[in-house]
Amino acid sequence: MAEPRFRTVIVGLFAAAALLLASTALYGVVAYGSPGYEIGPGMAMGATPRETLRLVAVEACVSPAPGSCSGLSERSRPRALCGTPLRGRSQD
């Protein structure tokens, strides 16, 4: 009877840790990752709307690029090197 309760407590602790990490990451993205602090001064100093749009578009594409490349390279690895994620069960 104690084992299911222990598992529940462990899962709850991992969930709380995940929530803490996610909220910290979200705060970092909102506080420091937004290019909003560059748009206002740039427009005030004479940047055209086209230059401002280019700045935002470049930042939107460059930031997720390393993660996307990493994910695609991991996905394209052969299964012979990775093994099966189901540990001996068929993937049908």
C-alpha atoms as a PDB file:
ATOM      1  CA  MET A   1       0.000   0.000   0.000  1.00  0.00           C
ATOM      2  CA  ALA A   2       2.886   2.374   0.682  1.00  0.00           C
ATOM      3  CA  GLU A   3       4.422   1.884  -2.765  1.00  0.00           C
ATOM      4  CA  PRO A   4       1.609   3.538  -4.783  1.00  0.00           C
ATOM      5  CA  ARG A   5       1.630   6.485  -2.383  1.00  0.00           C
ATOM      6  CA  PHE A   6       5.408   6.813  -2.755  1.00  0.00           C
ATOM      7  CA  ARG A   7       5.088   6.808  -6.542  1.00  0.00           C
ATOM      8  CA  THR A   8       2.380   9.449  -6.335  1.00  0.00           C
ATOM      9  CA  VAL A   9       4.572  11.667  -4.176  1.00  0.00           C
ATOM     10  CA  ILE A  10       7.527  11.247  -6.540  1.00  0.00           C
ATOM     11  CA  VAL A  11       5.410  12.064  -9.600  1.00  0.00           C
ATOM     12  CA  GLY A  12       4.027  15.100  -7.772  1.00  0.00           C
ATOM     13  CA  LEU A  13       7.521  16.325  -6.934  1.00  0.00           C
ATOM     14  CA  PHE A  14       8.638  15.936 -10.541  1.00  0.00           C
ATOM     15  CA  ALA A  15       5.518  17.783 -11.704  1.00  0.00           C
ATOM     16  CA  ALA A  16       6.236  20.637  -9.287  1.00  0.00           C
ATOM     17  CA  ALA A  17       9.848  20.810 -10.488  1.00  0.00           C
ATOM     18  CA  ALA A  18       8.684  20.858 -14.120  1.00  0.00           C
ATOM     19  CA  LEU A  19       6.228  23.641 -13.360  1.00  0.00           C
ATOM     20  CA  LEU A  20       8.947  25.665 -11.645  1.00  0.00           C
ATOM     21  CA  LEU A  21      11.330  25.221 -14.583  1.00  0.00           C
ATOM     22  CA  ALA A  22       8.641  26.091 -17.125  1.00  0.00           C
ATOM     23  CA  SER A  23       7.608  29.230 -15.263  1.00  0.00           C
ATOM     24  CA  THR A  24      11.236  30.334 -14.934  1.00  0.00           C
ATOM     25  CA  ALA A  25      11.812  29.787 -18.656  1.00  0.00           C
ATOM     26  CA  LEU A  26       8.645  31.661 -19.552  1.00  0.00           C
ATOM     27  CA  TYR A  27       9.697  34.584 -17.380  1.00  0.00           C
ATOM     28  CA  GLY A  28      13.097  34.654 -19.088  1.00  0.00           C
ATOM     29  CA  VAL A  29      11.539  34.673 -22.540  1.00  0.00           C
ATOM     30  CA  VAL A  30       9.046  37.388 -21.684  1.00  0.00           C
ATOM     31  CA  ALA A  31      11.479  39.571 -19.745  1.00  0.00           C
ATOM     32  CA  TYR A  32      14.604  39.296 -21.854  1.00  0.00           C
ATOM     33  CA  GLY A  33      13.780  37.543 -25.115  1.00  0.00           C
ATOM     34  CA  SER A  34      11.386  40.046 -26.584  1.00  0.00           C
ATOM     35  CA  PRO A  35      12.771  42.467 -29.155  1.00  0.00           C
ATOM     36  CA  GLY A  36      10.226  45.058 -28.008  1.00  0.00           C
ATOM     37  CA  TYR A  37      12.903  47.134 -26.324  1.00  0.00           C
ATOM     38  CA  GLU A  38      14.600  47.572 -29.704  1.00  0.00           C
ATOM     39  CA  ILE A  39      11.537  48.503 -31.754  1.00  0.00           C
ATOM     40  CA  GLY A  40      10.585  51.749 -30.030  1.00  0.00           C
ATOM     41  CA  PRO A  41      14.032  53.394 -30.028  1.00  0.00           C
ATOM     42  CA  GLY A  42      14.681  52.163 -33.568  1.00  0.00           C
ATOM     43  CA  MET A  43      11.486  53.765 -34.856  1.00  0.00           C
ATOM     44  CA  ALA A  44      12.252  56.947 -32.905  1.00  0.00           C
ATOM     45  CA  MET A  45      15.681  57.137 -34.528  1.00  0.00           C
ATOM     46  CA  GLY A  46      14.246  56.825 -38.018  1.00  0.00           C
ATOM     47  CA  ALA A  47      14.008  53.126 -38.794  1.00  0.00           C
ATOM     48  CA  THR A  48      11.525  52.363 -41.512  1.00  0.00           C
ATOM     49  CA  PRO A  49       8.684  49.899 -40.952  1.00  0.00           C
ATOM     50  CA  ARG A  50      10.415  47.551 -43.398  1.00  0.00           C
ATOM     51  CA  GLU A  51      13.628  47.553 -41.325  1.00  0.00           C
ATOM     52  CA  THR A  52      11.637  46.963 -38.149  1.00  0.00           C
ATOM     53  CA  LEU A  53       9.787  44.048 -39.718  1.00  0.00           C
ATOM     54  CA  ARG A  54      13.100  42.607 -40.915  1.00  0.00           C
ATOM     55  CA  LEU A  55      14.512  42.838 -37.384  1.00  0.00           C
ATOM     56  CA  VAL A  56      11.541  40.987 -35.918  1.00  0.00           C
ATOM     57  CA  ALA A  57      11.512  38.364 -38.688  1.00  0.00           C
ATOM     58  CA  VAL A  58      15.239  37.661 -38.357  1.00  0.00           C
ATOM     59  CA  GLU A  59      14.963  37.307 -34.580  1.00  0.00           C
ATOM     60  CA  ALA A  60      11.972  34.988 -34.968  1.00  0.00           C
ATOM     61  CA  CYS A  61      13.892  32.732 -37.353  1.00  0.00           C
ATOM     62  CA  VAL A  62      17.334  32.800 -35.738  1.00  0.00           C
ATOM     63  CA  SER A  63      16.281  32.029 -32.164  1.00  0.00           C
ATOM     64  CA  PRO A  64      14.667  28.612 -32.783  1.00  0.00           C
ATOM     65  CA  ALA A  65      17.118  27.574 -35.514  1.00  0.00           C
ATOM     66  CA  PRO A  66      19.666  25.736 -33.298  1.00  0.00           C
ATOM     67  CA  GLY A  67      16.941  23.723 -31.595  1.00  0.00           C
ATOM     68  CA  SER A  68      15.291  22.861 -34.884  1.00  0.00           C
ATOM     69  CA  CYS A  69      18.576  21.732 -36.435  1.00  0.00           C
ATOM     70  CA  SER A  70      19.387  19.659 -33.379  1.00  0.00           C
ATOM     71  CA  GLY A  71      15.964  18.001 -33.420  1.00  0.00           C
ATOM     72  CA  LEU A  72      16.121  17.245 -37.126  1.00  0.00           C
ATOM     73  CA  SER A  73      19.594  15.758 -36.863  1.00  0.00           C
ATOM     74  CA  GLU A  74      18.510  13.529 -33.977  1.00  0.00           C
ATOM     75  CA  ARG A  75      15.443  12.435 -35.908  1.00  0.00           C
ATOM     76  CA  SER A  76      17.448  11.485 -38.958  1.00  0.00           C
ATOM     77  CA  ARG A  77      19.870   9.209 -37.089  1.00  0.00           C
ATOM     78  CA  PRO A  78      19.558   5.562 -38.124  1.00  0.00           C
ATOM     79  CA  ARG A  79      17.614   3.269 -35.796  1.00  0.00           C
ATOM     80  CA  ALA A  80      20.496   0.828 -35.752  1.00  0.00           C
ATOM     81  CA  LEU A  81      22.530   3.352 -33.768  1.00  0.00           C
ATOM     82  CA  CYS A  82      19.694   4.463 -31.526  1.00  0.00           C
ATOM     83  CA  GLY A  83      18.013   1.168 -30.775  1.00  0.00           C
ATOM     84  CA  THR A  84      14.298   0.866 -30.252  1.00  0.00           C
ATOM     85  CA  PRO A  85      12.636   3.183 -27.749  1.00  0.00           C
ATOM     86  CA  LEU A  86      10.252   0.393 -26.757  1.00  0.00           C
ATOM     87  CA  ARG A  87      13.037  -1.918 -25.515  1.00  0.00           C
ATOM     88  CA  GLY A  88      12.385  -5.113 -27.406  1.00  0.00           C
ATOM     89  CA  ARG A  89       8.748  -4.572 -28.327  1.00  0.00           C
ATOM     90  CA  SER A  90       7.740  -4.197 -31.938  1.00  0.00           C
ATOM     91  CA  GLN A  91       6.940  -0.729 -33.258  1.00  0.00           C
ATOM     92  CA  ASP A  92       3.877  -1.755 -35.294  1.00  0.00           C
END
